[in-house]
Amino acid sequence: MTDLHPFVAGLPKAELHVHHVGSASPRIVAELAARHPDSKVPTDPEALADYFTFTDFAHFIDVYLSVVDLIRTPEDVRLLTFEVARDMARQNIRYAELTITPFSSTRRGIDEKAFMEAIEDARKAAESELGTVLRWCFDIPGEAGLEAAEETTRLAVDLRPDGLVSFGLGGPEIGVPRPQFKPYFDRAIAAGLHSVPHAGETTGPETVWDALNSLRAERIGHGTSAVKDPALLAHLAEHRIALEVCPTSNIATRAVATLDEHPVREMVDAGVLVTINSDDPPMFGTDLNSEYGVAARLLGLDERGVAGLAKNAVEASFLDPAGKARITAEIDAYTENWLAR
């Protein structure tokens, strides 16, 4: 099979499921850990590889929250956000919807308005200096309960920053039923935000149905277990409700046992709109380019097939029509030029 890595590296891309704190590179995590020496997070970038080896999803959440605890000032927020964009620009990611959990920062004492100013300043700088367009998804950390849901909704609706386009729900699924968050999603949707909850990652397809029926999901984060329900796959395909698939993440958190068992092929064969994403890339030892390589192998794709995945992400994004057309045309031109060499 052709080595697709050079093609993928230069391919213009969009990413829809990637977490703010979870995108902190070892270099940035080490810098933040050095700023805050009371943390248990290693200050040596090399030691972070061992630190980011997870035994299960619960362990991943513990480690993730220890990194969240390194984000303590608006300056930390701004540094993290801009450096994440820099890493994206290196991968030719033209557009990304970055999932941010503001509750995690505001409850640690960061002033909410200063937090909004920090992410917006980084967003504007990323677009002007790096050419990467960022938009935000504010998500509820499900493990923190309805208090977090109320606070996240207030921050999203009352302090809505210019870059905010969607509203999500992350964290553990087991023991955190989706329907309890309906009133908060109703408020966010009424304010014009799109619904993009995680569902069906570590629980069954009934969680995806809950996200669709109670939270009016327009895209599903992960949705790995949807393949266990043919009626659900048919519903997703018919309504063009995209799945935000993150293959390496699913292995790292033990949601799926091995890459060869990943259900992405069944999703595609059922006609579901599949997008490829990196989730928490440095924590999982990956990046979006690597995830495209994994997906290409699992799906048996050539360059045009990979370009099709890239266009799926643009289609499923909340970018304006002109922006979608621009990136899609760029993907097509890049692919044709590559194949004409």
Protein backbone atom coordinates (compact mmCIF):
# COMPACT_ATOMS: atom_id res chain seq x y z
CA MET A 1 0.00 0.00 0.00
CA THR A 2 1.18 3.53 -0.78
CA ASP A 3 2.72 5.44 2.11
CA LEU A 4 0.06 8.06 2.74
CA HIS A 5 1.91 9.95 5.46
CA PRO A 6 3.41 12.61 3.13
CA PHE A 7 0.01 13.17 1.52
CA VAL A 8 -1.77 13.43 4.90
CA ALA A 9 0.85 15.80 6.29
CA GLY A 10 0.13 18.41 3.65
CA LEU A 11 -3.62 17.81 3.40
CA PRO A 12 -5.76 20.75 4.58
CA LYS A 13 -7.90 19.47 7.44
CA ALA A 14 -10.60 20.35 9.96
CA GLU A 15 -10.89 18.81 13.42
CA LEU A 16 -14.11 18.61 15.39
CA HIS A 17 -13.34 16.56 18.51
CA VAL A 18 -10.25 17.75 20.32
CA HIS A 19 -9.96 18.93 23.91
CA HIS A 20 -8.30 22.15 25.03
CA VAL A 21 -6.33 20.86 28.02
CA GLY A 22 -5.96 17.43 26.46
CA SER A 23 -4.09 19.00 23.53
CA ALA A 24 -1.29 20.36 25.72
CA SER A 25 1.97 19.01 24.28
CA PRO A 26 4.61 17.53 26.62
CA ARG A 27 6.59 20.72 26.20
CA ILE A 28 3.68 22.87 27.35
CA VAL A 29 2.63 20.49 30.15
CA ALA A 30 6.22 20.44 31.44
CA GLU A 31 6.38 24.25 31.30
CA LEU A 32 3.12 24.57 33.21
CA ALA A 33 4.22 21.93 35.75
CA ALA A 34 7.43 23.88 36.33
CA ARG A 35 5.34 27.01 36.97
CA HIS A 36 3.34 25.11 39.58
CA PRO A 37 5.80 22.86 41.47
CA ASP A 38 3.19 21.63 43.95
CA SER A 39 1.68 19.52 41.16
CA LYS A 40 2.33 15.77 40.81
CA VAL A 41 2.69 16.14 37.05
CA PRO A 42 6.29 15.49 35.87
CA THR A 43 8.28 18.50 34.70
CA ASP A 44 10.38 16.32 32.35
CA PRO A 45 8.71 15.96 28.92
CA GLU A 46 10.23 12.45 28.57
CA ALA A 47 8.68 11.29 31.85
CA LEU A 48 5.25 12.38 30.62
CA ALA A 49 5.04 9.38 28.26
CA ASP A 50 4.90 7.04 31.26
CA TYR A 51 2.59 9.40 33.11
CA PHE A 52 0.21 9.34 30.10
CA THR A 53 -0.08 5.52 30.09
CA PHE A 54 -3.61 4.72 31.22
CA THR A 55 -4.93 1.56 32.85
CA ASP A 56 -8.57 2.40 32.08
CA PHE A 57 -10.95 5.31 31.47
CA ALA A 58 -11.16 6.20 35.18
CA HIS A 59 -7.36 6.44 35.37
CA PHE A 60 -7.33 8.62 32.26
CA ILE A 61 -9.79 11.02 33.93
CA ASP A 62 -7.56 11.22 37.04
CA VAL A 63 -4.50 12.05 34.97
CA TYR A 64 -6.45 14.49 32.80
CA LEU A 65 -7.68 16.38 35.86
CA SER A 66 -4.13 16.63 37.24
CA VAL A 67 -3.17 18.46 34.04
CA VAL A 68 -6.29 20.63 34.28
CA ASP A 69 -5.01 21.69 37.70
CA LEU A 70 -1.94 23.23 36.02
CA ILE A 71 -4.15 25.85 34.33
CA ARG A 72 -4.39 28.39 37.15
CA THR A 73 -4.10 31.87 35.65
CA PRO A 74 -5.38 33.69 32.56
CA GLU A 75 -1.76 33.68 31.33
CA ASP A 76 -1.73 29.87 31.56
CA VAL A 77 -4.99 29.73 29.58
CA ARG A 78 -3.66 32.03 26.86
CA LEU A 79 -0.36 30.16 26.57
CA LEU A 80 -2.07 26.79 26.31
CA THR A 81 -4.62 27.95 23.74
CA PHE A 82 -2.15 29.61 21.39
CA GLU A 83 0.35 26.74 21.60
CA VAL A 84 -2.39 24.22 20.79
CA ALA A 85 -3.17 26.29 17.69
CA ARG A 86 0.53 26.32 16.78
CA ASP A 87 0.62 22.52 16.90
CA MET A 88 -2.50 22.42 14.74
CA ALA A 89 -1.03 24.79 12.17
CA ARG A 90 2.00 22.51 11.82
CA GLN A 91 -0.41 19.76 10.76
CA ASN A 92 -2.20 21.96 8.21
CA ILE A 93 -5.36 22.02 10.33
CA ARG A 94 -7.23 24.98 8.85
CA TYR A 95 -10.20 24.90 11.21
CA ALA A 96 -10.83 23.33 14.60
CA GLU A 97 -13.67 23.26 17.09
CA LEU A 98 -11.81 23.04 20.38
CA THR A 99 -13.70 21.61 23.34
CA ILE A 100 -13.16 23.77 26.42
CA THR A 101 -14.37 23.04 29.95
CA PRO A 102 -14.58 26.52 31.52
CA PHE A 103 -16.01 25.16 34.79
CA SER A 104 -12.70 23.43 35.48
CA SER A 105 -10.90 26.78 35.37
CA THR A 106 -13.44 29.09 36.97
CA ARG A 107 -13.92 26.80 39.97
CA ARG A 108 -10.14 26.88 40.45
CA GLY A 109 -10.33 30.65 40.83
CA ILE A 110 -9.66 32.02 37.36
CA ASP A 111 -11.86 35.06 36.81
CA GLU A 112 -14.52 34.10 34.27
CA LYS A 113 -14.20 37.28 32.19
CA ALA A 114 -10.41 37.02 32.19
CA PHE A 115 -10.76 33.41 31.04
CA MET A 116 -12.95 34.46 28.10
CA GLU A 117 -10.54 37.25 27.19
CA ALA A 118 -7.59 34.83 27.27
CA ILE A 119 -9.12 32.29 24.89
CA GLU A 120 -10.41 34.99 22.55
CA ASP A 121 -7.04 36.76 22.45
CA ALA A 122 -5.37 33.44 21.58
CA ARG A 123 -8.04 32.67 18.95
CA LYS A 124 -7.55 35.98 17.16
CA ALA A 125 -3.76 35.66 17.29
CA ALA A 126 -3.92 32.09 15.95
CA GLU A 127 -5.98 33.18 12.96
CA SER A 128 -3.88 36.22 12.12
CA GLU A 129 -0.43 34.72 12.82
CA LEU A 130 -0.89 31.03 12.02
CA GLY A 131 -3.86 30.91 9.65
CA THR A 132 -5.72 28.41 11.84
CA VAL A 133 -9.35 29.26 12.59
CA LEU A 134 -10.52 28.20 16.05
CA ARG A 135 -14.04 27.92 17.37
CA TRP A 136 -15.15 26.78 20.83
CA CYS A 137 -17.37 24.08 22.23
CA PHE A 138 -18.05 24.64 25.94
CA ASP A 139 -18.69 21.30 27.59
CA ILE A 140 -20.14 20.18 30.90
CA PRO A 141 -17.80 17.90 32.88
CA GLY A 142 -20.40 15.22 33.59
CA GLU A 143 -18.65 13.89 36.67
CA ALA A 144 -19.12 17.28 38.37
CA GLY A 145 -22.91 17.01 38.18
CA LEU A 146 -25.68 19.55 37.77
CA GLU A 147 -23.78 22.34 39.53
CA ALA A 148 -21.25 22.18 36.70
CA ALA A 149 -24.08 22.03 34.15
CA GLU A 150 -25.66 25.18 35.56
CA GLU A 151 -22.36 27.06 35.66
CA THR A 152 -21.30 25.97 32.16
CA THR A 153 -24.67 26.99 30.74
CA ARG A 154 -24.47 30.39 32.43
CA LEU A 155 -20.95 30.99 31.12
CA ALA A 156 -21.93 29.90 27.61
CA VAL A 157 -25.15 31.88 27.40
CA ASP A 158 -24.46 34.98 29.48
CA LEU A 159 -20.74 35.48 28.75
CA ARG A 160 -20.75 33.96 25.28
CA PRO A 161 -17.41 34.67 23.59
CA ASP A 162 -17.40 35.40 19.85
CA GLY A 163 -15.79 32.06 19.01
CA LEU A 164 -18.35 29.88 20.79
CA VAL A 165 -20.43 27.71 18.43
CA SER A 166 -21.48 24.62 20.38
CA PHE A 167 -22.32 23.02 23.70
CA GLY A 168 -21.14 19.60 24.84
CA LEU A 169 -21.01 17.04 27.60
CA GLY A 170 -17.84 15.12 28.46
CA GLY A 171 -16.31 13.06 31.24
CA PRO A 172 -17.37 9.57 32.31
CA GLU A 173 -20.59 8.15 30.91
CA ILE A 174 -21.08 5.32 33.40
CA GLY A 175 -23.28 6.61 36.22
CA VAL A 176 -23.83 9.95 34.43
CA PRO A 177 -27.12 9.61 32.50
CA ARG A 178 -27.54 12.01 29.59
CA PRO A 179 -31.24 12.95 30.12
CA GLN A 180 -30.57 14.85 33.36
CA PHE A 181 -28.77 17.50 31.30
CA LYS A 182 -31.75 18.22 29.03
CA PRO A 183 -32.73 21.57 30.63
CA TYR A 184 -29.20 22.91 30.17
CA PHE A 185 -28.94 21.82 26.56
CA ASP A 186 -32.38 23.31 25.92
CA ARG A 187 -31.12 26.69 27.17
CA ALA A 188 -27.93 26.49 25.15
CA ILE A 189 -29.78 25.50 21.98
CA ALA A 190 -32.29 28.33 22.53
CA ALA A 191 -29.31 30.70 22.66
CA GLY A 192 -28.19 29.48 19.23
CA LEU A 193 -25.54 26.94 20.18
CA HIS A 194 -25.21 23.52 18.53
CA SER A 195 -25.51 20.30 20.56
CA VAL A 196 -22.47 17.97 20.49
CA PRO A 197 -22.42 15.65 23.53
CA HIS A 198 -20.13 12.66 24.04
CA ALA A 199 -22.11 9.40 24.03
CA GLY A 200 -21.61 5.71 23.45
CA GLU A 201 -17.90 5.69 24.20
CA THR A 202 -17.87 3.51 27.32
CA THR A 203 -21.59 2.71 27.45
CA GLY A 204 -24.01 1.14 24.99
CA PRO A 205 -26.08 2.54 22.12
CA GLU A 206 -28.88 3.55 24.51
CA THR A 207 -26.64 6.44 25.61
CA VAL A 208 -26.44 7.64 22.02
CA TRP A 209 -30.24 7.47 21.74
CA ASP A 210 -30.45 9.52 24.96
CA ALA A 211 -28.12 12.12 23.48
CA LEU A 212 -30.26 12.32 20.36
CA ASN A 213 -33.66 12.32 22.05
CA SER A 214 -32.95 14.31 25.25
CA LEU A 215 -30.06 16.56 24.20
CA ARG A 216 -30.98 16.99 20.51
CA ALA A 217 -27.44 16.08 19.46
CA GLU A 218 -26.35 17.28 16.02
CA ARG A 219 -23.11 15.31 16.20
CA ILE A 220 -22.04 12.55 18.58
CA GLY A 221 -18.68 12.49 20.34
CA HIS A 222 -17.25 8.98 19.80
CA GLY A 223 -20.46 6.95 19.44
CA THR A 224 -18.33 3.80 19.32
CA SER A 225 -21.09 1.48 20.55
CA ALA A 226 -23.59 2.71 17.93
CA VAL A 227 -22.57 -0.24 15.76
CA LYS A 228 -24.35 -2.56 18.20
CA ASP A 229 -27.71 -1.13 17.09
CA PRO A 230 -28.49 -1.29 13.34
CA ALA A 231 -31.51 0.96 13.80
CA LEU A 232 -29.32 3.60 15.41
CA LEU A 233 -26.77 3.42 12.58
CA ALA A 234 -29.60 3.80 10.07
CA HIS A 235 -30.95 6.83 11.97
CA LEU A 236 -27.51 8.49 12.09
CA ALA A 237 -26.98 7.85 8.38
CA GLU A 238 -30.41 9.08 7.34
CA HIS A 239 -30.14 12.33 9.29
CA ARG A 240 -26.45 12.95 8.51
CA ILE A 241 -25.62 13.06 12.22
CA ALA A 242 -21.86 12.74 12.22
CA LEU A 243 -19.82 10.57 14.54
CA GLU A 244 -16.64 12.15 15.85
CA VAL A 245 -14.39 9.08 15.72
CA CYS A 246 -11.09 9.06 17.65
CA PRO A 247 -9.44 5.65 17.02
CA THR A 248 -6.27 5.86 19.11
CA SER A 249 -8.16 7.46 22.01
CA ASN A 250 -10.58 4.54 22.07
CA ILE A 251 -7.66 2.11 22.47
CA ALA A 252 -5.86 4.24 25.07
CA THR A 253 -8.94 4.48 27.29
CA ARG A 254 -9.80 0.79 26.70
CA ALA A 255 -13.14 1.69 25.11
CA VAL A 256 -12.04 -0.63 22.27
CA ALA A 257 -9.62 -3.51 22.83
CA THR A 258 -7.43 -3.21 19.69
CA LEU A 259 -7.28 -1.03 16.60
CA ASP A 260 -8.13 -3.97 14.37
CA GLU A 261 -11.39 -4.36 16.34
CA HIS A 262 -12.31 -0.69 15.95
CA PRO A 263 -15.85 -0.35 14.52
CA VAL A 264 -15.11 2.54 12.15
CA ARG A 265 -15.50 0.22 9.12
CA GLU A 266 -19.00 -0.79 10.25
CA MET A 267 -19.92 2.88 10.69
CA VAL A 268 -18.78 3.76 7.18
CA ASP A 269 -20.40 0.68 5.63
CA ALA A 270 -23.70 1.74 7.24
CA GLY A 271 -23.50 5.11 5.48
CA VAL A 272 -22.79 7.14 8.62
CA LEU A 273 -20.97 10.45 8.21
CA VAL A 274 -17.66 9.68 9.92
CA THR A 275 -15.11 12.31 10.91
CA ILE A 276 -11.60 11.53 12.17
CA ASN A 277 -10.27 13.30 15.25
CA SER A 278 -7.48 13.12 17.84
CA ASP A 279 -9.38 13.82 21.12
CA ASP A 280 -6.47 14.39 23.57
CA PRO A 281 -3.54 13.90 21.19
CA PRO A 282 -0.36 14.23 23.31
CA MET A 283 -1.93 12.21 26.12
CA PHE A 284 -2.59 9.41 23.65
CA GLY A 285 0.72 9.72 21.82
CA THR A 286 -0.93 10.77 18.57
CA ASP A 287 -1.95 13.73 16.43
CA LEU A 288 -4.54 14.28 13.72
CA ASN A 289 -2.14 13.28 10.93
CA SER A 290 -1.52 9.95 12.67
CA GLU A 291 -5.25 9.39 13.14
CA TYR A 292 -5.81 9.86 9.40
CA GLY A 293 -3.11 7.26 8.80
CA VAL A 294 -4.83 4.83 11.19
CA ALA A 295 -8.22 5.43 9.55
CA ALA A 296 -6.76 4.97 6.07
CA ARG A 297 -5.36 1.58 7.09
CA LEU A 298 -8.56 0.42 8.79
CA LEU A 299 -10.72 1.54 5.87
CA GLY A 300 -8.33 0.62 3.05
CA LEU A 301 -8.28 4.15 1.63
CA ASP A 302 -6.14 5.78 -1.06
CA GLU A 303 -5.46 9.51 -1.35
CA ARG A 304 -8.93 10.33 -2.66
CA GLY A 305 -10.50 8.33 0.14
CA VAL A 306 -8.48 10.18 2.74
CA ALA A 307 -9.43 13.49 1.14
CA GLY A 308 -13.04 12.36 1.44
CA LEU A 309 -12.60 11.94 5.19
CA ALA A 310 -11.17 15.45 5.37
CA LYS A 311 -14.21 16.78 3.50
CA ASN A 312 -16.52 14.90 5.89
CA ALA A 313 -15.11 16.96 8.78
CA VAL A 314 -15.68 20.19 6.88
CA GLU A 315 -19.27 19.15 6.05
CA ALA A 316 -20.02 18.23 9.68
CA SER A 317 -18.45 21.39 11.09
CA PHE A 318 -20.26 24.53 12.19
CA LEU A 319 -18.20 26.72 9.91
CA ASP A 320 -20.15 29.15 7.74
CA PRO A 321 -20.96 28.03 4.15
CA ALA A 322 -18.29 30.25 2.58
CA GLY A 323 -15.66 28.87 4.95
CA LYS A 324 -16.73 25.30 4.20
CA ALA A 325 -16.54 25.95 0.46
CA ARG A 326 -13.09 27.49 0.79
CA ILE A 327 -11.55 24.58 2.71
CA THR A 328 -13.29 21.96 0.56
CA ALA A 329 -11.90 23.61 -2.59
CA GLU A 330 -8.46 23.68 -0.98
CA ILE A 331 -8.68 19.94 -0.20
CA ASP A 332 -9.72 19.18 -3.79
CA ALA A 333 -6.98 21.33 -5.32
CA TYR A 334 -4.32 19.83 -3.06
CA THR A 335 -5.44 16.28 -3.90
CA GLU A 336 -5.53 16.86 -7.65
CA ASN A 337 -2.10 18.51 -7.61
CA TRP A 338 -0.70 15.63 -5.56
CA LEU A 339 -2.07 12.97 -7.89
CA ALA A 340 -0.91 14.87 -10.98
CA ARG A 341 2.73 14.87 -9.88
